[in-house]
C-alpha atoms as a PDB file:
ATOM      1  CA  MET A   1    -104.265-116.381-166.296  1.00  0.00           C
ATOM      2  CA  LYS A   2    -102.510-115.920-169.431  1.00  0.00           C
ATOM      3  CA  LYS A   3    -105.436-113.862-170.359  1.00  0.00           C
ATOM      4  CA  PHE A   4    -105.237-111.865-167.301  1.00  0.00           C
ATOM      5  CA  LYS A   5    -101.506-111.096-168.112  1.00  0.00           C
ATOM      6  CA  ILE A   6    -102.301-109.820-171.335  1.00  0.00           C
ATOM      7  CA  ALA A   7    -105.090-107.874-170.008  1.00  0.00           C
ATOM      8  CA  PHE A   8    -102.801-106.489-167.485  1.00  0.00           C
ATOM      9  CA  LEU A   9     -99.928-105.648-170.023  1.00  0.00           C
ATOM     10  CA  VAL A  10    -102.370-103.640-172.396  1.00  0.00           C
ATOM     11  CA  LEU A  11    -103.742-101.551-169.524  1.00  0.00           C
ATOM     12  CA  ALA A  12    -100.367-100.597-168.387  1.00  0.00           C
ATOM     13  CA  ALA A  13     -99.418 -99.927-171.663  1.00  0.00           C
ATOM     14  CA  GLY A  14    -102.401 -98.025-172.232  1.00  0.00           C
ATOM     15  CA  LEU A  15    -101.747 -95.865-169.068  1.00  0.00           C
ATOM     16  CA  ILE A  16     -98.225 -95.522-169.764  1.00  0.00           C
ATOM     17  CA  THR A  17     -99.496 -93.655-173.114  1.00  0.00           C
ATOM     18  CA  ALA A  18    -101.939 -91.758-171.565  1.00  0.00           C
ATOM     19  CA  PHE A  19     -99.660 -90.254-169.364  1.00  0.00           C
ATOM     20  CA  THR A  20     -96.756 -89.710-171.950  1.00  0.00           C
ATOM     21  CA  THR A  21     -99.358 -88.322-174.438  1.00  0.00           C
ATOM     22  CA  THR A  22    -100.717 -85.696-171.979  1.00  0.00           C
ATOM     23  CA  ASN A  23    -100.192 -81.997-172.941  1.00  0.00           C
ATOM     24  CA  PRO A  24     -96.844 -80.808-170.959  1.00  0.00           C
ATOM     25  CA  ALA A  25     -97.176 -77.981-168.728  1.00  0.00           C
ATOM     26  CA  GLY A  26     -97.353 -74.607-170.851  1.00  0.00           C
ATOM     27  CA  TYR A  27     -99.740 -72.613-172.771  1.00  0.00           C
ATOM     28  CA  GLU A  28    -102.413 -73.665-174.604  1.00  0.00           C
ATOM     29  CA  ILE A  29    -104.336 -71.708-177.525  1.00  0.00           C
ATOM     30  CA  GLY A  30    -106.259 -69.125-175.499  1.00  0.00           C
ATOM     31  CA  SER A  31    -103.885 -69.204-172.573  1.00  0.00           C
ATOM     32  CA  ILE A  32    -103.034 -65.408-171.253  1.00  0.00           C
ATOM     33  CA  ALA A  33     -99.043 -65.071-171.042  1.00  0.00           C
ATOM     34  CA  THR A  34     -97.428 -63.659-168.351  1.00  0.00           C
ATOM     35  CA  ASP A  35     -95.200 -60.824-168.782  1.00  0.00           C
ATOM     36  CA  PHE A  36     -91.249 -61.284-168.403  1.00  0.00           C
ATOM     37  CA  SER A  37     -88.201 -59.137-167.606  1.00  0.00           C
ATOM     38  CA  LEU A  38     -85.304 -60.827-169.371  1.00  0.00           C
ATOM     39  CA  LYS A  39     -81.658 -59.083-170.168  1.00  0.00           C
ATOM     40  CA  ASN A  40     -81.492 -58.155-173.854  1.00  0.00           C
ATOM     41  CA  VAL A  41     -77.940 -58.394-175.802  1.00  0.00           C
ATOM     42  CA  ASP A  42     -77.577 -54.582-175.063  1.00  0.00           C
ATOM     43  CA  ASN A  43     -77.729 -55.663-171.420  1.00  0.00           C
ATOM     44  CA  LYS A  44     -81.167 -53.760-170.989  1.00  0.00           C
ATOM     45  CA  ASN A  45     -84.107 -55.515-169.412  1.00  0.00           C
ATOM     46  CA  VAL A  46     -87.022 -56.140-171.955  1.00  0.00           C
ATOM     47  CA  SER A  47     -90.719 -56.818-171.095  1.00  0.00           C
ATOM     48  CA  LEU A  48     -93.901 -57.263-173.345  1.00  0.00           C
ATOM     49  CA  LYS A  49     -95.067 -54.002-171.117  1.00  0.00           C
ATOM     50  CA  ASP A  50     -92.361 -51.924-172.525  1.00  0.00           C
ATOM     51  CA  TYR A  51     -94.346 -52.067-175.787  1.00  0.00           C
ATOM     52  CA  LYS A  52     -97.316 -49.804-175.375  1.00  0.00           C
ATOM     53  CA  ASP A  53     -98.301 -49.437-178.923  1.00  0.00           C
ATOM     54  CA  ALA A  54     -98.019 -53.044-179.646  1.00  0.00           C
ATOM     55  CA  LYS A  55    -100.922 -55.142-181.058  1.00  0.00           C
ATOM     56  CA  GLY A  56     -99.162 -58.232-179.757  1.00  0.00           C
ATOM     57  CA  PHE A  57     -96.171 -60.138-180.156  1.00  0.00           C
ATOM     58  CA  ILE A  58     -94.318 -62.820-182.137  1.00  0.00           C
ATOM     59  CA  VAL A  59     -92.379 -64.563-179.376  1.00  0.00           C
ATOM     60  CA  ILE A  60     -89.642 -67.297-180.667  1.00  0.00           C
ATOM     61  CA  PHE A  61     -87.296 -69.309-178.597  1.00  0.00           C
ATOM     62  CA  THR A  62     -84.592 -69.529-180.480  1.00  0.00           C
ATOM     63  CA  CYS A  63     -80.750 -69.928-180.249  1.00  0.00           C
ATOM     64  CA  ASN A  64     -77.177 -69.541-181.665  1.00  0.00           C
ATOM     65  CA  HIS A  65     -76.161 -73.108-181.822  1.00  0.00           C
ATOM     66  CA  CYS A  66     -78.842 -75.120-183.226  1.00  0.00           C
ATOM     67  CA  PRO A  67     -79.024 -75.490-187.185  1.00  0.00           C
ATOM     68  CA  TYR A  68     -82.659 -75.052-187.348  1.00  0.00           C
ATOM     69  CA  ALA A  69     -82.193 -71.913-185.597  1.00  0.00           C
ATOM     70  CA  VAL A  70     -79.657 -70.598-188.093  1.00  0.00           C
ATOM     71  CA  ALA A  71     -81.422 -71.577-190.763  1.00  0.00           C
ATOM     72  CA  TYR A  72     -84.649 -69.490-189.917  1.00  0.00           C
ATOM     73  CA  GLU A  73     -82.523 -66.548-188.537  1.00  0.00           C
ATOM     74  CA  ASP A  74     -83.107 -64.620-192.048  1.00  0.00           C
ATOM     75  CA  ARG A  75     -86.627 -65.207-191.912  1.00  0.00           C
ATOM     76  CA  ILE A  76     -87.046 -63.877-188.279  1.00  0.00           C
ATOM     77  CA  ILE A  77     -85.641 -60.769-189.224  1.00  0.00           C
ATOM     78  CA  ASP A  78     -88.038 -60.688-192.095  1.00  0.00           C
ATOM     79  CA  LEU A  79     -90.870 -61.284-189.678  1.00  0.00           C
ATOM     80  CA  ASP A  80     -89.816 -58.580-187.500  1.00  0.00           C
ATOM     81  CA  LYS A  81     -89.068 -55.943-190.422  1.00  0.00           C
ATOM     82  CA  LYS A  82     -92.673 -56.560-191.940  1.00  0.00           C
ATOM     83  CA  TYR A  83     -94.714 -56.713-188.805  1.00  0.00           C
ATOM     84  CA  LYS A  84     -93.131 -54.604-186.072  1.00  0.00           C
ATOM     85  CA  LYS A  85     -94.577 -51.526-187.985  1.00  0.00           C
ATOM     86  CA  LEU A  86     -97.965 -53.303-188.002  1.00  0.00           C
ATOM     87  CA  GLY A  87     -98.025 -53.857-184.326  1.00  0.00           C
ATOM     88  CA  TYR A  88     -96.492 -57.246-183.893  1.00  0.00           C
ATOM     89  CA  PRO A  89     -92.721 -56.995-183.111  1.00  0.00           C
ATOM     90  CA  VAL A  90     -90.425 -60.205-182.777  1.00  0.00           C
ATOM     91  CA  ILE A  91     -89.139 -61.075-179.260  1.00  0.00           C
ATOM     92  CA  ALA A  92     -86.461 -63.931-179.428  1.00  0.00           C
ATOM     93  CA  ILE A  93     -85.708 -65.733-176.305  1.00  0.00           C
ATOM     94  CA  ASN A  94     -82.746 -67.985-175.528  1.00  0.00           C
ATOM     95  CA  PRO A  95     -84.238 -70.652-173.476  1.00  0.00           C
ATOM     96  CA  ASN A  96     -80.828 -72.974-173.306  1.00  0.00           C
ATOM     97  CA  ASN A  97     -78.383 -73.405-170.216  1.00  0.00           C
ATOM     98  CA  PRO A  98     -75.339 -72.458-171.483  1.00  0.00           C
ATOM     99  CA  GLU A  99     -73.637 -74.986-169.150  1.00  0.00           C
ATOM    100  CA  LYS A 100     -74.784 -77.644-171.399  1.00  0.00           C
ATOM    101  CA  GLN A 101     -74.458 -75.760-174.619  1.00  0.00           C
ATOM    102  CA  LYS A 102     -71.439 -73.479-174.526  1.00  0.00           C
ATOM    103  CA  ASP A 103     -72.255 -71.472-177.791  1.00  0.00           C
ATOM    104  CA  ASP A 104     -75.268 -70.312-176.411  1.00  0.00           C
ATOM    105  CA  SER A 105     -73.786 -68.100-173.651  1.00  0.00           C
ATOM    106  CA  PHE A 106     -74.855 -64.603-173.286  1.00  0.00           C
ATOM    107  CA  ASP A 107     -71.811 -63.459-174.594  1.00  0.00           C
ATOM    108  CA  LYS A 108     -71.793 -65.134-177.681  1.00  0.00           C
ATOM    109  CA  MET A 109     -75.765 -64.079-177.992  1.00  0.00           C
ATOM    110  CA  GLN A 110     -74.114 -60.671-177.954  1.00  0.00           C
ATOM    111  CA  VAL A 111     -71.929 -61.527-181.066  1.00  0.00           C
ATOM    112  CA  ARG A 112     -74.199 -63.561-183.269  1.00  0.00           C
ATOM    113  CA  ALA A 113     -76.768 -60.712-182.664  1.00  0.00           C
ATOM    114  CA  LYS A 114     -74.429 -58.352-184.130  1.00  0.00           C
ATOM    115  CA  GLU A 115     -73.337 -60.556-187.019  1.00  0.00           C
ATOM    116  CA  LYS A 116     -76.570 -61.175-188.080  1.00  0.00           C
ATOM    117  CA  GLY A 117     -77.804 -57.382-187.431  1.00  0.00           C
ATOM    118  CA  PHE A 118     -81.064 -58.776-185.290  1.00  0.00           C
ATOM    119  CA  THR A 119     -83.702 -56.023-185.575  1.00  0.00           C
ATOM    120  CA  PHE A 120     -85.475 -57.189-182.409  1.00  0.00           C
ATOM    121  CA  PRO A 121     -84.627 -58.230-178.739  1.00  0.00           C
ATOM    122  CA  TYR A 122     -82.975 -61.205-178.197  1.00  0.00           C
ATOM    123  CA  LEU A 123     -83.201 -61.965-174.592  1.00  0.00           C
ATOM    124  CA  PHE A 124     -81.564 -64.540-172.350  1.00  0.00           C
ATOM    125  CA  ASP A 125     -83.839 -66.923-169.959  1.00  0.00           C
ATOM    126  CA  GLU A 126     -81.554 -66.845-167.249  1.00  0.00           C
ATOM    127  CA  GLY A 127     -82.282 -69.629-164.925  1.00  0.00           C
ATOM    128  CA  GLN A 128     -84.536 -70.988-167.509  1.00  0.00           C
ATOM    129  CA  LYS A 129     -88.044 -70.082-165.684  1.00  0.00           C
ATOM    130  CA  ILE A 130     -89.665 -68.645-168.622  1.00  0.00           C
ATOM    131  CA  TYR A 131     -89.738 -71.059-171.423  1.00  0.00           C
ATOM    132  CA  PRO A 132     -91.253 -73.749-169.114  1.00  0.00           C
ATOM    133  CA  GLN A 133     -94.316 -71.226-168.732  1.00  0.00           C
ATOM    134  CA  TYR A 134     -94.860 -71.328-172.304  1.00  0.00           C
ATOM    135  CA  GLY A 135     -93.978 -75.210-172.639  1.00  0.00           C
ATOM    136  CA  ALA A 136     -91.563 -74.690-175.553  1.00  0.00           C
ATOM    137  CA  THR A 137     -89.414 -77.875-176.310  1.00  0.00           C
ATOM    138  CA  LYS A 138     -87.834 -76.553-179.300  1.00  0.00           C
ATOM    139  CA  THR A 139     -85.655 -74.182-180.962  1.00  0.00           C
ATOM    140  CA  PRO A 140     -86.941 -72.570-182.735  1.00  0.00           C
ATOM    141  CA  HIS A 141     -90.680 -72.821-181.087  1.00  0.00           C
ATOM    142  CA  VAL A 142     -92.855 -69.828-181.991  1.00  0.00           C
ATOM    143  CA  TYR A 143     -95.916 -68.345-179.802  1.00  0.00           C
ATOM    144  CA  ILE A 144     -97.893 -65.489-181.178  1.00  0.00           C
ATOM    145  CA  LEU A 145     -99.884 -63.480-178.479  1.00  0.00           C
ATOM    146  CA  GLN A 146    -102.434 -60.916-179.261  1.00  0.00           C
ATOM    147  CA  LYS A 147    -103.008 -57.936-176.685  1.00  0.00           C
ATOM    148  CA  THR A 148    -106.276 -57.567-175.443  1.00  0.00           C
ATOM    149  CA  ASP A 149    -107.803 -56.359-172.150  1.00  0.00           C
ATOM    150  CA  LYS A 150    -107.415 -59.415-170.394  1.00  0.00           C
ATOM    151  CA  GLY A 151    -103.789 -59.869-171.018  1.00  0.00           C
ATOM    152  CA  ASN A 152    -101.701 -61.230-173.894  1.00  0.00           C
ATOM    153  CA  VAL A 153    -103.769 -63.957-175.481  1.00  0.00           C
ATOM    154  CA  VAL A 154    -101.895 -67.077-176.933  1.00  0.00           C
ATOM    155  CA  LYS A 155    -103.289 -67.246-180.570  1.00  0.00           C
ATOM    156  CA  TYR A 156    -100.628 -69.581-182.452  1.00  0.00           C
ATOM    157  CA  ILE A 157     -98.055 -72.126-181.150  1.00  0.00           C
ATOM    158  CA  GLY A 158     -95.698 -73.911-183.494  1.00  0.00           C
ATOM    159  CA  ALA A 159     -93.255 -73.543-186.464  1.00  0.00           C
ATOM    160  CA  ILE A 160     -92.512 -70.330-188.528  1.00  0.00           C
ATOM    161  CA  ASP A 161     -93.511 -72.307-192.118  1.00  0.00           C
ATOM    162  CA  ASP A 162     -93.457 -75.901-193.083  1.00  0.00           C
ATOM    163  CA  ASN A 163     -89.948 -75.917-194.436  1.00  0.00           C
ATOM    164  CA  HIS A 164     -86.663 -75.411-192.322  1.00  0.00           C
ATOM    165  CA  SER A 165     -84.300 -76.433-194.856  1.00  0.00           C
ATOM    166  CA  ASP A 166     -85.401 -74.501-198.147  1.00  0.00           C
ATOM    167  CA  GLU A 167     -87.194 -71.007-197.833  1.00  0.00           C
ATOM    168  CA  THR A 168     -87.831 -71.286-201.353  1.00  0.00           C
ATOM    169  CA  ALA A 169     -89.964 -74.212-201.265  1.00  0.00           C
ATOM    170  CA  VAL A 170     -92.204 -73.017-198.340  1.00  0.00           C
ATOM    171  CA  GLU A 171     -95.791 -73.580-199.107  1.00  0.00           C
ATOM    172  CA  GLN A 172     -97.549 -72.823-195.663  1.00  0.00           C
ATOM    173  CA  LYS A 173     -96.266 -69.541-193.785  1.00  0.00           C
ATOM    174  CA  TYR A 174     -97.898 -70.366-190.651  1.00  0.00           C
ATOM    175  CA  VAL A 175     -96.927 -67.437-188.526  1.00  0.00           C
ATOM    176  CA  GLU A 176     -97.440 -64.970-191.514  1.00  0.00           C
ATOM    177  CA  ASN A 177    -100.919 -66.294-191.928  1.00  0.00           C
ATOM    178  CA  ALA A 178    -101.651 -66.070-188.389  1.00  0.00           C
ATOM    179  CA  VAL A 179    -100.587 -62.327-187.790  1.00  0.00           C
ATOM    180  CA  ASP A 180    -102.251 -61.595-191.006  1.00  0.00           C
ATOM    181  CA  ALA A 181    -105.475 -63.215-189.834  1.00  0.00           C
ATOM    182  CA  LEU A 182    -105.366 -61.248-186.250  1.00  0.00           C
ATOM    183  CA  LEU A 183    -104.329 -58.145-188.238  1.00  0.00           C
ATOM    184  CA  LYS A 184    -107.795 -58.578-189.865  1.00  0.00           C
ATOM    185  CA  LYS A 185    -109.515 -59.135-186.777  1.00  0.00           C
ATOM    186  CA  GLN A 186    -110.362 -62.815-188.295  1.00  0.00           C
ATOM    187  CA  GLU A 187    -109.797 -65.903-186.531  1.00  0.00           C
ATOM    188  CA  VAL A 188    -106.408 -67.945-187.080  1.00  0.00           C
ATOM    189  CA  LYS A 189    -107.237 -70.939-189.301  1.00  0.00           C
ATOM    190  CA  VAL A 190    -104.191 -72.924-188.172  1.00  0.00           C
ATOM    191  CA  LYS A 191    -103.564 -72.158-184.438  1.00  0.00           C
ATOM    192  CA  THR A 192    -101.173 -75.038-183.930  1.00  0.00           C
ATOM    193  CA  THR A 193     -98.214 -77.149-185.580  1.00  0.00           C
ATOM    194  CA  LYS A 194     -95.659 -79.059-184.760  1.00  0.00           C
ATOM    195  CA  ALA A 195     -92.369 -76.893-184.005  1.00  0.00           C
ATOM    196  CA  ILE A 196     -89.042 -78.788-185.688  1.00  0.00           C
ATOM    197  CA  GLY A 197     -85.883 -77.729-184.149  1.00  0.00           C
ATOM    198  CA  CYS A 198     -83.354 -78.599-181.467  1.00  0.00           C
ATOM    199  CA  SER A 199     -84.318 -79.867-177.973  1.00  0.00           C
ATOM    200  CA  ILE A 200     -84.122 -77.031-175.444  1.00  0.00           C
ATOM    201  CA  LYS A 201     -80.664 -77.829-173.258  1.00  0.00           C
ATOM    202  CA  ALA A 202     -81.787 -77.726-169.586  1.00  0.00           C
END
């Protein structure tokens, strides 16, 4: 009887682990990302289809209040400045519910974008309908899309680089490496990394 109980507990633990480690709903490498129309801080809606000449996109879920997101703001601006002219603009999306995090309200997004001089659209995921489609869980959380005849294909998911706290100590620039590979028509070597940041506030 004791052995039966132990076997049952092991089986139960295994089932629980299996269900908790299943990939959450969202895009995987190779998925086709659907387009969206979200309000930018200039009060105009932005869609991926607006970028006729883009080769792809660096979609970053980020926000105002999270220290990790703040630590990456200058690096996100640099990514946009470097890659927008090469066909891969940054599209930033705030996925947080402002009722749960007041600092991530649309009004405060407008203030932050002006303070930092964002060179990219900073969109509000009103109703939180887009981030679950992507499967984003953190801010910041990056999805690199490559424009193809089939649609915008997900080529990378994860972190911007390997050191959120000290830009000078970065050893792996995941996003730059991925976009550089795509621009050279090469395979992205590191396709997924763990996004480090604050949990999205639903």
